């Protein structure tokens, strides 16, 4: 993985059971619950998901998961940057890293779901070439869900 130079930054691949990933994913789910309410669908993660953990000076500040869906297709899961570390371009670094990881593993298309109120995420994905797609399960009946995909 190549990353833009930020002093003290490290990206590393970790399993979904990594305590730092679990803490960041929990913080993300709490933030989403505050934004959308507790009735959002909780989607289980595939056992083969790999996470990229981003640390700054040893402190975990962001993560993104790559979940296999079918041959050639992967899904971006649990993309998150801690609020105290936002505004530095870390989400772009994570997105570039997960796309690189996807290509390395032979994936040719990535998809993702985000919410209608996550305007920064929508801007990030559309600026990176992700195009709106019809909602896929389990999001097809979720009014607050927006789905995107990109051919790698």
N, C-alpha and C. Protein backbone atom coordinates (compact mmCIF):
# COMPACT_ATOMS: atom_id res chain seq x y z
N UNK A 1 0.84 -1.18 0.00
CA UNK A 1 0.00 0.00 0.00
C UNK A 1 0.88 1.24 0.00
N UNK A 2 0.51 2.18 -0.81
CA UNK A 2 1.21 3.45 -0.77
C UNK A 2 0.30 4.47 -0.12
N UNK A 3 0.87 5.34 0.60
CA UNK A 3 0.07 6.37 1.28
C UNK A 3 0.79 7.70 1.16
N UNK A 4 0.00 8.74 1.17
CA UNK A 4 0.58 10.08 1.18
C UNK A 4 1.37 10.23 2.48
N UNK A 5 2.37 11.04 2.44
CA UNK A 5 3.27 11.18 3.57
C UNK A 5 2.66 12.05 4.67
N UNK A 6 2.38 11.44 5.79
CA UNK A 6 1.98 12.14 7.00
C UNK A 6 2.87 11.58 8.10
N UNK A 7 3.63 12.44 8.73
CA UNK A 7 4.57 11.98 9.74
C UNK A 7 3.86 11.21 10.85
N UNK A 8 4.41 10.04 11.17
CA UNK A 8 3.85 9.22 12.24
C UNK A 8 2.69 8.35 11.82
N UNK A 9 2.35 8.35 10.52
CA UNK A 9 1.22 7.56 10.04
C UNK A 9 1.67 6.16 9.67
N UNK A 10 0.85 5.18 10.02
CA UNK A 10 1.10 3.80 9.63
C UNK A 10 -0.22 3.17 9.20
N UNK A 11 -0.18 2.41 8.11
CA UNK A 11 -1.31 1.60 7.66
C UNK A 11 -0.89 0.14 7.80
N UNK A 12 -1.77 -0.67 8.38
CA UNK A 12 -1.46 -2.10 8.43
C UNK A 12 -2.75 -2.90 8.33
N UNK A 13 -2.62 -4.08 7.74
CA UNK A 13 -3.76 -4.98 7.59
C UNK A 13 -3.90 -5.79 8.88
N UNK A 14 -5.13 -5.84 9.38
CA UNK A 14 -5.42 -6.56 10.63
C UNK A 14 -6.72 -7.33 10.46
N UNK A 15 -6.94 -8.35 11.28
CA UNK A 15 -8.22 -9.08 11.20
C UNK A 15 -9.37 -8.27 11.81
N UNK A 16 -10.58 -8.68 11.51
CA UNK A 16 -11.76 -7.98 12.03
C UNK A 16 -11.87 -8.09 13.55
N UNK A 17 -11.12 -9.00 14.15
CA UNK A 17 -11.14 -9.18 15.60
C UNK A 17 -10.14 -8.28 16.33
N UNK A 18 -9.37 -7.49 15.58
CA UNK A 18 -8.38 -6.60 16.20
C UNK A 18 -9.09 -5.65 17.17
N UNK A 19 -8.61 -5.52 18.40
CA UNK A 19 -9.28 -4.65 19.39
C UNK A 19 -9.40 -3.19 18.95
N UNK A 20 -8.39 -2.68 18.24
CA UNK A 20 -8.47 -1.29 17.77
C UNK A 20 -9.56 -1.12 16.72
N UNK A 21 -9.67 -2.09 15.82
CA UNK A 21 -10.74 -2.05 14.81
C UNK A 21 -12.10 -2.15 15.49
N UNK A 22 -12.22 -3.04 16.45
CA UNK A 22 -13.50 -3.20 17.15
C UNK A 22 -13.90 -1.90 17.86
N UNK A 23 -12.93 -1.22 18.46
CA UNK A 23 -13.22 0.05 19.15
C UNK A 23 -13.64 1.12 18.15
N UNK A 24 -12.93 1.23 17.02
CA UNK A 24 -13.29 2.22 16.00
C UNK A 24 -14.65 1.90 15.38
N UNK A 25 -14.92 0.63 15.10
CA UNK A 25 -16.21 0.24 14.51
C UNK A 25 -17.35 0.51 15.49
N UNK A 26 -17.10 0.31 16.77
CA UNK A 26 -18.11 0.60 17.79
C UNK A 26 -18.39 2.10 17.85
N UNK A 27 -17.34 2.91 17.78
CA UNK A 27 -17.52 4.37 17.76
C UNK A 27 -18.30 4.80 16.52
N UNK A 28 -18.01 4.17 15.39
CA UNK A 28 -18.72 4.48 14.15
C UNK A 28 -20.21 4.15 14.30
N UNK A 29 -20.52 2.97 14.84
CA UNK A 29 -21.92 2.57 14.98
C UNK A 29 -22.66 3.51 15.94
N UNK A 30 -21.98 3.97 16.99
CA UNK A 30 -22.60 4.92 17.92
C UNK A 30 -22.88 6.25 17.22
N UNK A 31 -21.94 6.70 16.40
CA UNK A 31 -22.12 7.95 15.65
C UNK A 31 -23.30 7.83 14.68
N UNK A 32 -23.39 6.68 14.01
CA UNK A 32 -24.50 6.46 13.07
C UNK A 32 -25.84 6.37 13.80
N UNK A 33 -25.85 5.73 14.96
CA UNK A 33 -27.09 5.63 15.74
C UNK A 33 -27.55 7.02 16.18
N UNK A 34 -26.61 7.89 16.54
CA UNK A 34 -26.97 9.25 16.93
C UNK A 34 -27.51 10.03 15.74
N UNK A 35 -27.02 9.72 14.55
CA UNK A 35 -27.42 10.44 13.34
C UNK A 35 -28.75 9.94 12.78
N UNK A 36 -28.95 8.62 12.80
CA UNK A 36 -30.11 8.02 12.13
C UNK A 36 -31.09 7.33 13.08
N UNK A 37 -30.73 7.17 14.34
CA UNK A 37 -31.58 6.41 15.26
C UNK A 37 -31.11 4.98 15.34
N UNK A 38 -31.69 4.25 16.25
CA UNK A 38 -31.25 2.87 16.51
C UNK A 38 -31.90 1.84 15.60
N UNK A 39 -32.76 2.27 14.67
CA UNK A 39 -33.48 1.29 13.85
C UNK A 39 -32.75 0.95 12.55
N UNK A 40 -31.51 1.37 12.41
CA UNK A 40 -30.77 1.06 11.20
C UNK A 40 -30.39 -0.42 11.18
N UNK A 41 -30.24 -1.00 9.98
CA UNK A 41 -29.89 -2.42 9.93
C UNK A 41 -28.46 -2.64 10.39
N UNK A 42 -28.27 -3.61 11.26
CA UNK A 42 -26.93 -3.99 11.69
C UNK A 42 -26.50 -5.15 10.81
N UNK A 43 -25.49 -4.93 10.01
CA UNK A 43 -25.06 -5.91 9.02
C UNK A 43 -23.86 -6.66 9.56
N UNK A 44 -23.98 -7.98 9.61
CA UNK A 44 -22.87 -8.81 10.08
C UNK A 44 -21.75 -8.78 9.05
N UNK A 45 -20.53 -8.88 9.54
CA UNK A 45 -19.37 -8.88 8.66
C UNK A 45 -19.01 -10.30 8.26
N UNK A 46 -18.63 -10.47 7.02
CA UNK A 46 -18.17 -11.74 6.48
C UNK A 46 -16.93 -12.19 7.25
N UNK A 47 -16.78 -13.48 7.52
CA UNK A 47 -15.61 -13.92 8.28
C UNK A 47 -14.27 -13.67 7.57
N UNK A 48 -14.28 -13.50 6.26
CA UNK A 48 -13.04 -13.28 5.52
C UNK A 48 -12.67 -11.81 5.36
N UNK A 49 -13.37 -10.92 6.04
CA UNK A 49 -13.09 -9.49 5.89
C UNK A 49 -11.70 -9.17 6.43
N UNK A 50 -11.01 -8.29 5.72
CA UNK A 50 -9.71 -7.79 6.17
C UNK A 50 -9.84 -6.30 6.40
N UNK A 51 -9.24 -5.82 7.45
CA UNK A 51 -9.29 -4.40 7.77
C UNK A 51 -7.93 -3.76 7.57
N UNK A 52 -7.97 -2.50 7.19
CA UNK A 52 -6.78 -1.67 7.19
C UNK A 52 -6.95 -0.71 8.36
N UNK A 53 -5.99 -0.72 9.26
CA UNK A 53 -5.99 0.14 10.43
C UNK A 53 -5.01 1.27 10.18
N UNK A 54 -5.45 2.49 10.42
CA UNK A 54 -4.59 3.66 10.27
C UNK A 54 -4.28 4.20 11.65
N UNK A 55 -2.98 4.33 11.93
CA UNK A 55 -2.56 4.91 13.21
C UNK A 55 -1.73 6.14 12.95
N UNK A 56 -1.80 7.08 13.88
CA UNK A 56 -0.95 8.27 13.88
C UNK A 56 -0.18 8.25 15.19
N UNK A 57 1.14 8.17 15.07
CA UNK A 57 2.00 8.10 16.25
C UNK A 57 1.55 7.01 17.21
N UNK A 58 1.13 5.87 16.63
CA UNK A 58 0.73 4.72 17.42
C UNK A 58 -0.71 4.72 17.89
N UNK A 59 -1.43 5.82 17.68
CA UNK A 59 -2.83 5.90 18.12
C UNK A 59 -3.75 5.53 16.97
N UNK A 60 -4.65 4.54 17.16
CA UNK A 60 -5.59 4.18 16.10
C UNK A 60 -6.57 5.32 15.85
N UNK A 61 -6.66 5.77 14.60
CA UNK A 61 -7.56 6.88 14.27
C UNK A 61 -8.51 6.58 13.12
N UNK A 62 -8.31 5.47 12.42
CA UNK A 62 -9.20 5.16 11.30
C UNK A 62 -9.08 3.72 10.87
N UNK A 63 -10.12 3.27 10.14
CA UNK A 63 -10.11 1.92 9.63
C UNK A 63 -11.04 1.82 8.43
N UNK A 64 -10.84 0.77 7.65
CA UNK A 64 -11.72 0.44 6.55
C UNK A 64 -11.61 -1.07 6.32
N UNK A 65 -12.75 -1.68 6.03
CA UNK A 65 -12.77 -3.11 5.78
C UNK A 65 -13.03 -3.42 4.31
N UNK A 66 -12.50 -4.54 3.87
CA UNK A 66 -12.74 -5.03 2.52
C UNK A 66 -13.36 -6.42 2.65
N UNK A 67 -14.61 -6.51 2.25
CA UNK A 67 -15.36 -7.75 2.39
C UNK A 67 -15.59 -8.37 1.02
N UNK A 68 -15.21 -9.65 0.84
CA UNK A 68 -15.51 -10.31 -0.41
C UNK A 68 -17.01 -10.55 -0.53
N UNK A 69 -17.56 -10.36 -1.74
CA UNK A 69 -18.98 -10.58 -1.96
C UNK A 69 -19.18 -11.74 -2.92
N UNK A 70 -18.55 -11.66 -4.07
CA UNK A 70 -18.61 -12.70 -5.09
C UNK A 70 -17.35 -12.55 -5.94
N UNK A 71 -17.07 -13.50 -6.85
CA UNK A 71 -15.85 -13.35 -7.65
C UNK A 71 -15.79 -11.99 -8.34
N UNK A 72 -14.71 -11.27 -8.07
CA UNK A 72 -14.50 -9.96 -8.68
C UNK A 72 -15.14 -8.79 -7.95
N UNK A 73 -16.04 -9.06 -7.00
CA UNK A 73 -16.78 -8.00 -6.32
C UNK A 73 -16.45 -7.97 -4.83
N UNK A 74 -16.11 -6.77 -4.35
CA UNK A 74 -15.87 -6.57 -2.94
C UNK A 74 -16.71 -5.41 -2.43
N UNK A 75 -16.84 -5.34 -1.12
CA UNK A 75 -17.62 -4.27 -0.51
C UNK A 75 -16.79 -3.57 0.55
N UNK A 76 -16.82 -2.26 0.53
CA UNK A 76 -16.15 -1.45 1.54
C UNK A 76 -17.06 -1.41 2.76
N UNK A 77 -16.49 -1.75 3.91
CA UNK A 77 -17.26 -1.80 5.15
C UNK A 77 -16.56 -1.00 6.26
N UNK A 78 -17.35 -0.40 7.11
CA UNK A 78 -16.89 0.25 8.34
C UNK A 78 -15.77 1.28 8.11
N UNK A 79 -15.88 2.04 7.02
CA UNK A 79 -14.91 3.12 6.78
C UNK A 79 -15.16 4.17 7.86
N UNK A 80 -14.11 4.51 8.60
CA UNK A 80 -14.30 5.43 9.72
C UNK A 80 -12.99 6.12 10.07
N UNK A 81 -13.10 7.41 10.34
CA UNK A 81 -12.00 8.20 10.89
C UNK A 81 -12.53 8.88 12.15
N UNK A 82 -11.78 8.76 13.22
CA UNK A 82 -12.17 9.38 14.49
C UNK A 82 -12.38 10.88 14.28
N UNK A 83 -13.45 11.44 14.87
CA UNK A 83 -13.72 12.88 14.68
C UNK A 83 -12.55 13.79 15.00
N UNK A 84 -11.71 13.43 15.95
CA UNK A 84 -10.57 14.27 16.31
C UNK A 84 -9.49 14.30 15.23
N UNK A 85 -9.57 13.37 14.27
CA UNK A 85 -8.56 13.28 13.22
C UNK A 85 -9.12 13.59 11.83
N UNK A 86 -10.29 14.14 11.77
CA UNK A 86 -10.90 14.46 10.48
C UNK A 86 -10.36 15.78 9.95
N UNK A 87 -10.44 15.93 8.62
CA UNK A 87 -10.00 17.16 7.99
C UNK A 87 -8.57 17.13 7.50
N UNK A 88 -7.89 16.00 7.65
CA UNK A 88 -6.50 15.87 7.23
C UNK A 88 -6.33 15.03 5.98
N UNK A 89 -7.43 14.54 5.41
CA UNK A 89 -7.36 13.69 4.23
C UNK A 89 -7.15 12.22 4.54
N UNK A 90 -7.35 11.82 5.78
CA UNK A 90 -7.14 10.42 6.15
C UNK A 90 -8.13 9.48 5.48
N UNK A 91 -9.37 9.94 5.26
CA UNK A 91 -10.35 9.08 4.59
C UNK A 91 -9.92 8.81 3.14
N UNK A 92 -9.31 9.78 2.49
CA UNK A 92 -8.80 9.55 1.13
C UNK A 92 -7.66 8.53 1.16
N UNK A 93 -6.82 8.61 2.16
CA UNK A 93 -5.73 7.65 2.30
C UNK A 93 -6.29 6.25 2.51
N UNK A 94 -7.28 6.12 3.37
CA UNK A 94 -7.91 4.82 3.61
C UNK A 94 -8.58 4.29 2.35
N UNK A 95 -9.28 5.16 1.63
CA UNK A 95 -9.97 4.73 0.41
C UNK A 95 -8.96 4.27 -0.64
N UNK A 96 -7.87 5.01 -0.83
CA UNK A 96 -6.84 4.59 -1.77
C UNK A 96 -6.23 3.25 -1.35
N UNK A 97 -6.03 3.07 -0.06
CA UNK A 97 -5.43 1.83 0.45
C UNK A 97 -6.35 0.63 0.22
N UNK A 98 -7.65 0.80 0.46
CA UNK A 98 -8.57 -0.33 0.29
C UNK A 98 -8.75 -0.65 -1.20
N UNK A 99 -8.72 0.36 -2.05
CA UNK A 99 -8.78 0.10 -3.49
C UNK A 99 -7.55 -0.66 -3.96
N UNK A 100 -6.39 -0.29 -3.45
CA UNK A 100 -5.15 -0.98 -3.78
C UNK A 100 -5.20 -2.43 -3.31
N UNK A 101 -5.68 -2.62 -2.10
CA UNK A 101 -5.83 -3.98 -1.55
C UNK A 101 -6.79 -4.79 -2.41
N UNK A 102 -7.88 -4.19 -2.84
CA UNK A 102 -8.86 -4.89 -3.67
C UNK A 102 -8.24 -5.35 -4.98
N UNK A 103 -7.50 -4.45 -5.62
CA UNK A 103 -6.83 -4.81 -6.88
C UNK A 103 -5.85 -5.96 -6.67
N UNK A 104 -5.10 -5.91 -5.57
CA UNK A 104 -4.11 -6.95 -5.26
C UNK A 104 -4.78 -8.31 -5.08
N UNK A 105 -5.98 -8.32 -4.56
CA UNK A 105 -6.68 -9.59 -4.33
C UNK A 105 -7.53 -10.01 -5.52
N UNK A 106 -7.45 -9.28 -6.62
CA UNK A 106 -8.15 -9.68 -7.84
C UNK A 106 -9.56 -9.15 -7.99
N UNK A 107 -9.96 -8.24 -7.13
CA UNK A 107 -11.29 -7.67 -7.27
C UNK A 107 -11.29 -6.62 -8.38
N UNK A 108 -12.37 -6.57 -9.13
CA UNK A 108 -12.48 -5.63 -10.24
C UNK A 108 -13.56 -4.59 -10.02
N UNK A 109 -14.36 -4.76 -8.97
CA UNK A 109 -15.44 -3.82 -8.67
C UNK A 109 -15.61 -3.74 -7.16
N UNK A 110 -15.81 -2.52 -6.68
CA UNK A 110 -16.12 -2.29 -5.26
C UNK A 110 -17.47 -1.62 -5.14
N UNK A 111 -18.19 -1.99 -4.11
CA UNK A 111 -19.46 -1.33 -3.81
C UNK A 111 -19.45 -0.91 -2.35
N UNK A 112 -20.38 -0.01 -2.02
CA UNK A 112 -20.49 0.47 -0.64
C UNK A 112 -21.86 1.05 -0.41
N UNK A 113 -22.19 1.19 0.85
CA UNK A 113 -23.43 1.84 1.27
C UNK A 113 -23.06 2.92 2.25
N UNK A 114 -23.71 4.07 2.10
CA UNK A 114 -23.56 5.15 3.06
C UNK A 114 -24.94 5.75 3.29
N UNK A 115 -25.01 6.73 4.15
CA UNK A 115 -26.31 7.31 4.49
C UNK A 115 -26.51 8.68 3.87
N UNK A 116 -27.76 9.04 3.74
CA UNK A 116 -28.14 10.31 3.11
C UNK A 116 -27.62 11.51 3.88
N UNK A 117 -27.39 11.38 5.18
CA UNK A 117 -26.93 12.51 5.99
C UNK A 117 -25.41 12.60 6.07
N UNK A 118 -24.71 11.68 5.47
CA UNK A 118 -23.25 11.66 5.54
C UNK A 118 -22.68 12.35 4.30
N UNK A 119 -22.86 13.67 4.27
CA UNK A 119 -22.51 14.44 3.07
C UNK A 119 -21.01 14.40 2.77
N UNK A 120 -20.17 14.34 3.80
CA UNK A 120 -18.73 14.26 3.57
C UNK A 120 -18.37 12.93 2.91
N UNK A 121 -19.00 11.86 3.37
CA UNK A 121 -18.74 10.54 2.77
C UNK A 121 -19.22 10.50 1.32
N UNK A 122 -20.39 11.05 1.07
CA UNK A 122 -20.91 11.08 -0.30
C UNK A 122 -19.95 11.84 -1.21
N UNK A 123 -19.46 12.98 -0.75
CA UNK A 123 -18.50 13.77 -1.54
C UNK A 123 -17.21 12.98 -1.77
N UNK A 124 -16.71 12.31 -0.74
CA UNK A 124 -15.49 11.52 -0.87
C UNK A 124 -15.66 10.46 -1.96
N UNK A 125 -16.73 9.70 -1.87
CA UNK A 125 -16.92 8.59 -2.81
C UNK A 125 -17.15 9.10 -4.23
N UNK A 126 -17.99 10.10 -4.40
CA UNK A 126 -18.24 10.58 -5.76
C UNK A 126 -16.99 11.24 -6.35
N UNK A 127 -16.20 11.92 -5.53
CA UNK A 127 -14.95 12.51 -6.02
C UNK A 127 -13.92 11.44 -6.38
N UNK A 128 -14.08 10.24 -5.85
CA UNK A 128 -13.18 9.12 -6.16
C UNK A 128 -13.72 8.24 -7.28
N UNK A 129 -14.78 8.66 -7.94
CA UNK A 129 -15.28 7.90 -9.09
C UNK A 129 -16.34 6.87 -8.79
N UNK A 130 -16.88 6.86 -7.58
CA UNK A 130 -17.97 5.94 -7.27
C UNK A 130 -19.26 6.52 -7.81
N UNK A 131 -20.05 5.65 -8.45
CA UNK A 131 -21.30 6.08 -9.07
C UNK A 131 -22.48 5.49 -8.33
N UNK A 132 -23.60 6.24 -8.24
CA UNK A 132 -24.79 5.70 -7.58
C UNK A 132 -25.26 4.41 -8.26
N UNK A 133 -25.68 3.46 -7.46
CA UNK A 133 -26.24 2.20 -7.96
C UNK A 133 -27.53 1.91 -7.20
N UNK A 134 -28.36 1.04 -7.75
CA UNK A 134 -29.56 0.64 -6.99
C UNK A 134 -29.15 0.00 -5.67
N UNK A 135 -29.93 0.20 -4.63
CA UNK A 135 -29.61 -0.41 -3.34
C UNK A 135 -29.59 -1.93 -3.44
N UNK A 136 -28.66 -2.55 -2.75
CA UNK A 136 -28.54 -4.00 -2.72
C UNK A 136 -28.89 -4.48 -1.31
N UNK A 137 -29.25 -5.76 -1.16
CA UNK A 137 -29.62 -6.27 0.16
C UNK A 137 -28.47 -6.10 1.16
N UNK A 138 -28.79 -5.71 2.37
CA UNK A 138 -30.10 -5.54 2.99
C UNK A 138 -30.60 -4.10 2.97
N UNK A 139 -30.09 -3.29 2.06
CA UNK A 139 -30.40 -1.86 2.06
C UNK A 139 -31.51 -1.45 1.12
N UNK A 140 -32.10 -2.39 0.38
CA UNK A 140 -33.06 -2.03 -0.66
C UNK A 140 -34.32 -1.34 -0.15
N UNK A 141 -34.64 -1.49 1.11
CA UNK A 141 -35.83 -0.84 1.67
C UNK A 141 -35.49 0.22 2.71
N UNK A 142 -34.24 0.66 2.72
CA UNK A 142 -33.79 1.67 3.68
C UNK A 142 -33.77 3.04 3.02
N UNK A 143 -34.69 3.90 3.42
CA UNK A 143 -34.81 5.22 2.79
C UNK A 143 -33.56 6.08 2.99
N UNK A 144 -32.83 5.85 4.06
CA UNK A 144 -31.65 6.67 4.34
C UNK A 144 -30.37 6.10 3.74
N UNK A 145 -30.48 5.01 2.98
CA UNK A 145 -29.30 4.38 2.39
C UNK A 145 -29.05 4.84 0.96
N UNK A 146 -27.79 5.08 0.66
CA UNK A 146 -27.35 5.35 -0.71
C UNK A 146 -26.25 4.34 -1.03
N UNK A 147 -26.33 3.73 -2.21
CA UNK A 147 -25.34 2.75 -2.59
C UNK A 147 -24.55 3.26 -3.80
N UNK A 148 -23.27 2.92 -3.82
CA UNK A 148 -22.35 3.36 -4.86
C UNK A 148 -21.48 2.18 -5.27
N UNK A 149 -20.91 2.27 -6.47
CA UNK A 149 -19.98 1.24 -6.94
C UNK A 149 -18.95 1.88 -7.86
N UNK A 150 -17.82 1.20 -7.98
CA UNK A 150 -16.75 1.67 -8.86
C UNK A 150 -16.05 0.47 -9.47
N UNK A 151 -15.84 0.54 -10.78
CA UNK A 151 -15.04 -0.47 -11.46
C UNK A 151 -13.58 -0.08 -11.28
N UNK A 152 -12.79 -1.06 -10.84
CA UNK A 152 -11.37 -0.81 -10.64
C UNK A 152 -10.64 -1.08 -11.93
